Amino acid sequence: MIPFSVAIIAGGKSSRMGTDKSFVLIHDRPLIQHQLDRVHALGQAETFIVTNQFERYAKFGLRMVSDVLPETGSLGGIFTALTHAQHDWVLTLACDMPFINRELLKFMLKCMDGVDGVIPRVAGYPQGLHALYCKTCLPSIERKLSASQLKVIGFYEDVTMRYLDEAEYAIFEHVEESFFNVNTPTELEQARQIYHAKFYTG
């Protein structure tokens, strides 16, 4: 397997949640802990967190890095992850997805040869914060950031991406929940219901 890093992007302002969404509870555990459990021991050389709040995330015992270019949104978070990663390939994940599917991630990791990124699509739309990126993407991302073009998928046309559509990953159980984002109190309640309906084993 090609060596890779895992980066959790936790630099958002959580304005729609009203509190730091990484630490809202799903079955008595912070949302980000659910995610860290799911990416544990995938074969990565390191797992680190992109955040500007080191004191809050220190409890997880992981390396933390702050934004290289502040106030540049999710694309800036990806740029920071690629800049600081110890390896050329980085599995980049938003901090607000508690149900990431390990089998899908393993499948993605088998698709890195000969491309600059591996990205699942849902209904044709790339899931840019549930993706593998190579450092070869850095020049294209930097050009977009310099032009204040902050849309995550904006640089994709400049690099070679391997897209995974539903027909390829539908075989994995509960895979649709892998892309569920928790951004609002309503979505948090939905996440709690999903957890108890599909993942709770107590």
Protein backbone atom coordinates (compact mmCIF):
# COMPACT_ATOMS: atom_id res chain seq x y z
CA MET A 1 0.00 0.00 0.00
CA ILE A 2 1.17 3.53 -0.77
CA PRO A 3 2.08 5.29 2.51
CA PHE A 4 -0.52 7.83 3.59
CA SER A 5 -1.56 10.17 6.38
CA VAL A 6 -5.02 10.86 7.82
CA ALA A 7 -6.02 14.48 8.43
CA ILE A 8 -9.16 15.48 10.31
CA ILE A 9 -10.26 18.97 9.27
CA ALA A 10 -11.66 20.69 12.36
CA GLY A 11 -11.11 24.34 11.55
CA GLY A 12 -14.70 25.38 10.90
CA LYS A 13 -16.62 27.90 12.98
CA SER A 14 -19.66 25.63 13.63
CA SER A 15 -21.91 28.67 13.24
CA ARG A 16 -24.99 26.64 12.29
CA MET A 17 -24.56 24.32 15.29
CA GLY A 18 -24.07 27.14 17.77
CA THR A 19 -21.29 25.19 19.52
CA ASP A 20 -18.20 23.30 18.42
CA LYS A 21 -19.69 20.40 16.47
CA SER A 22 -16.65 18.19 17.04
CA PHE A 23 -17.67 17.88 20.68
CA VAL A 24 -21.44 17.42 20.47
CA LEU A 25 -22.37 14.06 21.93
CA ILE A 26 -23.66 10.98 20.14
CA HIS A 27 -24.25 8.19 22.65
CA ASP A 28 -22.13 9.92 25.30
CA ARG A 29 -19.08 10.33 23.06
CA PRO A 30 -17.95 13.43 21.14
CA LEU A 31 -18.70 13.32 17.44
CA ILE A 32 -15.02 13.47 16.54
CA GLN A 33 -14.30 10.45 18.74
CA HIS A 34 -16.68 8.36 16.66
CA GLN A 35 -14.72 9.41 13.60
CA LEU A 36 -11.32 8.74 15.15
CA ASP A 37 -12.48 5.27 16.15
CA ARG A 38 -13.49 4.54 12.57
CA VAL A 39 -10.20 5.64 11.03
CA HIS A 40 -8.09 3.86 13.65
CA ALA A 41 -5.54 1.38 12.26
CA LEU A 42 -6.37 1.80 8.57
CA GLY A 43 -2.66 1.47 7.90
CA GLN A 44 -1.83 5.16 8.03
CA ALA A 45 1.57 6.39 9.17
CA GLU A 46 -0.03 9.20 11.17
CA THR A 47 -3.33 10.81 12.08
CA PHE A 48 -3.38 14.54 12.78
CA ILE A 49 -5.92 17.31 13.26
CA VAL A 50 -6.15 20.62 11.41
CA THR A 51 -7.41 23.09 14.01
CA ASN A 52 -6.76 26.54 15.39
CA GLN A 53 -7.88 25.46 18.87
CA PHE A 54 -5.03 23.30 20.10
CA GLU A 55 -6.15 23.36 23.73
CA ARG A 56 -9.52 21.82 22.89
CA TYR A 57 -8.14 18.95 20.82
CA ALA A 58 -5.04 18.18 22.90
CA LYS A 59 -6.98 15.50 24.81
CA PHE A 60 -6.86 13.20 21.76
CA GLY A 61 -3.07 12.97 21.87
CA LEU A 62 -2.61 13.65 18.16
CA ARG A 63 -0.41 16.09 16.31
CA MET A 64 -2.22 19.34 15.60
CA VAL A 65 -1.52 21.91 12.89
CA SER A 66 -3.07 25.32 12.34
CA ASP A 67 -4.23 26.83 9.06
CA VAL A 68 -1.43 27.86 6.74
CA LEU A 69 -3.76 30.43 5.19
CA PRO A 70 -6.43 31.46 7.73
CA GLU A 71 -9.97 32.30 6.65
CA THR A 72 -9.80 30.21 3.48
CA GLY A 73 -12.46 27.69 4.44
CA SER A 74 -12.42 23.98 3.68
CA LEU A 75 -10.09 24.36 0.70
CA GLY A 76 -7.60 26.06 3.00
CA GLY A 77 -7.98 23.13 5.39
CA ILE A 78 -7.10 20.68 2.62
CA PHE A 79 -4.12 22.84 1.66
CA THR A 80 -2.94 22.84 5.28
CA ALA A 81 -3.37 19.06 5.57
CA LEU A 82 -1.33 18.42 2.42
CA THR A 83 1.32 20.93 3.45
CA HIS A 84 1.89 19.39 6.89
CA ALA A 85 1.40 15.69 6.11
CA GLN A 86 4.40 13.42 6.49
CA HIS A 87 3.50 11.52 3.31
CA ASP A 88 2.46 12.47 -0.20
CA TRP A 89 -1.03 11.01 0.15
CA VAL A 90 -3.55 12.29 2.70
CA LEU A 91 -6.98 10.93 3.57
CA THR A 92 -8.77 14.20 4.28
CA LEU A 93 -11.96 14.07 6.33
CA ALA A 94 -14.26 16.75 7.71
CA CYS A 95 -14.65 16.43 11.47
CA ASP A 96 -18.46 16.30 11.31
CA MET A 97 -18.97 12.85 9.72
CA PRO A 98 -19.49 10.32 12.55
CA PHE A 99 -20.41 7.32 10.39
CA ILE A 100 -17.45 7.07 8.02
CA ASN A 101 -17.42 3.63 6.44
CA ARG A 102 -14.14 1.79 6.97
CA GLU A 103 -14.71 -0.57 4.05
CA LEU A 104 -15.23 2.37 1.71
CA LEU A 105 -12.03 3.98 2.99
CA LYS A 106 -10.11 0.74 2.39
CA PHE A 107 -11.51 0.60 -1.13
CA MET A 108 -10.46 4.19 -1.77
CA LEU A 109 -6.94 3.37 -0.61
CA LYS A 110 -6.67 0.78 -3.37
CA CYS A 111 -7.36 3.36 -6.07
CA MET A 112 -4.42 5.76 -5.69
CA ASP A 113 -2.15 4.57 -8.49
CA GLY A 114 -1.68 6.99 -11.36
CA VAL A 115 -3.97 9.77 -10.09
CA ASP A 116 -3.83 12.89 -7.93
CA GLY A 117 -6.96 12.20 -5.89
CA VAL A 118 -9.64 9.64 -5.10
CA ILE A 119 -13.11 10.99 -4.38
CA PRO A 120 -16.52 9.35 -3.91
CA ARG A 121 -19.47 11.01 -5.59
CA VAL A 122 -23.07 11.07 -4.43
CA ALA A 123 -25.60 11.69 -7.21
CA GLY A 124 -22.68 12.86 -9.31
CA TYR A 125 -21.36 15.39 -6.79
CA PRO A 126 -17.83 14.90 -5.39
CA GLN A 127 -17.50 14.55 -1.63
CA GLY A 128 -14.44 16.75 -1.36
CA LEU A 129 -13.99 16.40 2.40
CA HIS A 130 -14.20 12.61 2.29
CA ALA A 131 -11.32 12.21 -0.12
CA LEU A 132 -7.75 11.16 -0.76
CA TYR A 133 -5.44 13.83 -2.13
CA CYS A 134 -1.80 13.71 -3.20
CA LYS A 135 0.64 16.55 -2.64
CA THR A 136 0.70 16.92 -6.43
CA CYS A 137 -2.55 18.87 -5.91
CA LEU A 138 -0.81 21.59 -3.90
CA PRO A 139 0.14 23.93 -6.78
CA SER A 140 -3.40 23.87 -8.18
CA ILE A 141 -4.94 24.48 -4.76
CA GLU A 142 -2.52 27.32 -4.05
CA ARG A 143 -3.45 29.04 -7.30
CA LYS A 144 -7.14 28.87 -6.39
CA LEU A 145 -6.51 30.20 -2.89
CA SER A 146 -4.39 33.04 -4.25
CA ALA A 147 -7.30 33.99 -6.49
CA SER A 148 -9.76 33.73 -3.55
CA GLN A 149 -11.55 30.91 -5.36
CA LEU A 150 -12.43 28.80 -2.33
CA LYS A 151 -14.77 26.17 -3.74
CA VAL A 152 -13.29 22.79 -2.81
CA ILE A 153 -13.94 21.15 -6.16
CA GLY A 154 -12.65 24.16 -8.09
CA PHE A 155 -9.16 22.77 -8.61
CA TYR A 156 -10.25 19.31 -9.75
CA GLU A 157 -10.18 20.25 -13.42
CA ASP A 158 -6.44 20.93 -13.12
CA VAL A 159 -5.50 17.49 -11.79
CA THR A 160 -6.34 13.83 -12.42
CA MET A 161 -9.09 12.56 -10.15
CA ARG A 162 -10.40 9.03 -9.70
CA TYR A 163 -14.12 9.31 -8.98
CA LEU A 164 -16.05 6.55 -7.25
CA ASP A 165 -19.76 6.46 -7.97
CA GLU A 166 -22.51 4.61 -6.13
CA ALA A 167 -22.33 1.56 -8.39
CA GLU A 168 -18.79 0.90 -7.14
CA TYR A 169 -19.30 1.37 -3.41
CA ALA A 170 -22.94 0.37 -2.89
CA ILE A 171 -21.81 -3.09 -1.80
CA PHE A 172 -20.65 -1.78 1.57
CA GLU A 173 -23.16 -1.99 4.42
CA HIS A 174 -24.52 1.38 5.65
CA VAL A 175 -22.25 3.17 3.19
CA GLU A 176 -24.77 5.96 2.59
CA GLU A 177 -24.24 7.14 6.17
CA SER A 178 -20.54 7.65 5.47
CA PHE A 179 -21.32 11.06 3.96
CA PHE A 180 -23.76 12.23 6.64
CA ASN A 181 -22.67 15.64 7.95
CA VAL A 182 -23.70 17.04 11.33
CA ASN A 183 -23.90 20.81 10.93
CA THR A 184 -27.10 21.75 12.76
CA PRO A 185 -28.99 20.71 15.91
CA THR A 186 -31.55 19.00 13.65
CA GLU A 187 -28.84 16.97 11.95
CA LEU A 188 -27.38 16.10 15.34
CA GLU A 189 -30.69 14.64 16.41
CA GLN A 190 -30.86 12.72 13.12
CA ALA A 191 -27.35 11.39 13.75
CA ARG A 192 -28.34 10.15 17.19
CA GLN A 193 -31.33 8.35 15.69
CA ILE A 194 -29.14 6.81 12.95
CA TYR A 195 -26.63 5.64 15.53
CA HIS A 196 -29.21 3.87 17.64
CA ALA A 197 -31.02 2.41 14.65
CA LYS A 198 -27.98 1.12 12.74
CA PHE A 199 -24.81 1.14 14.83
CA TYR A 200 -25.70 0.73 18.50
CA THR A 201 -24.72 -2.70 19.78
CA GLY A 202 -25.27 -2.28 23.52
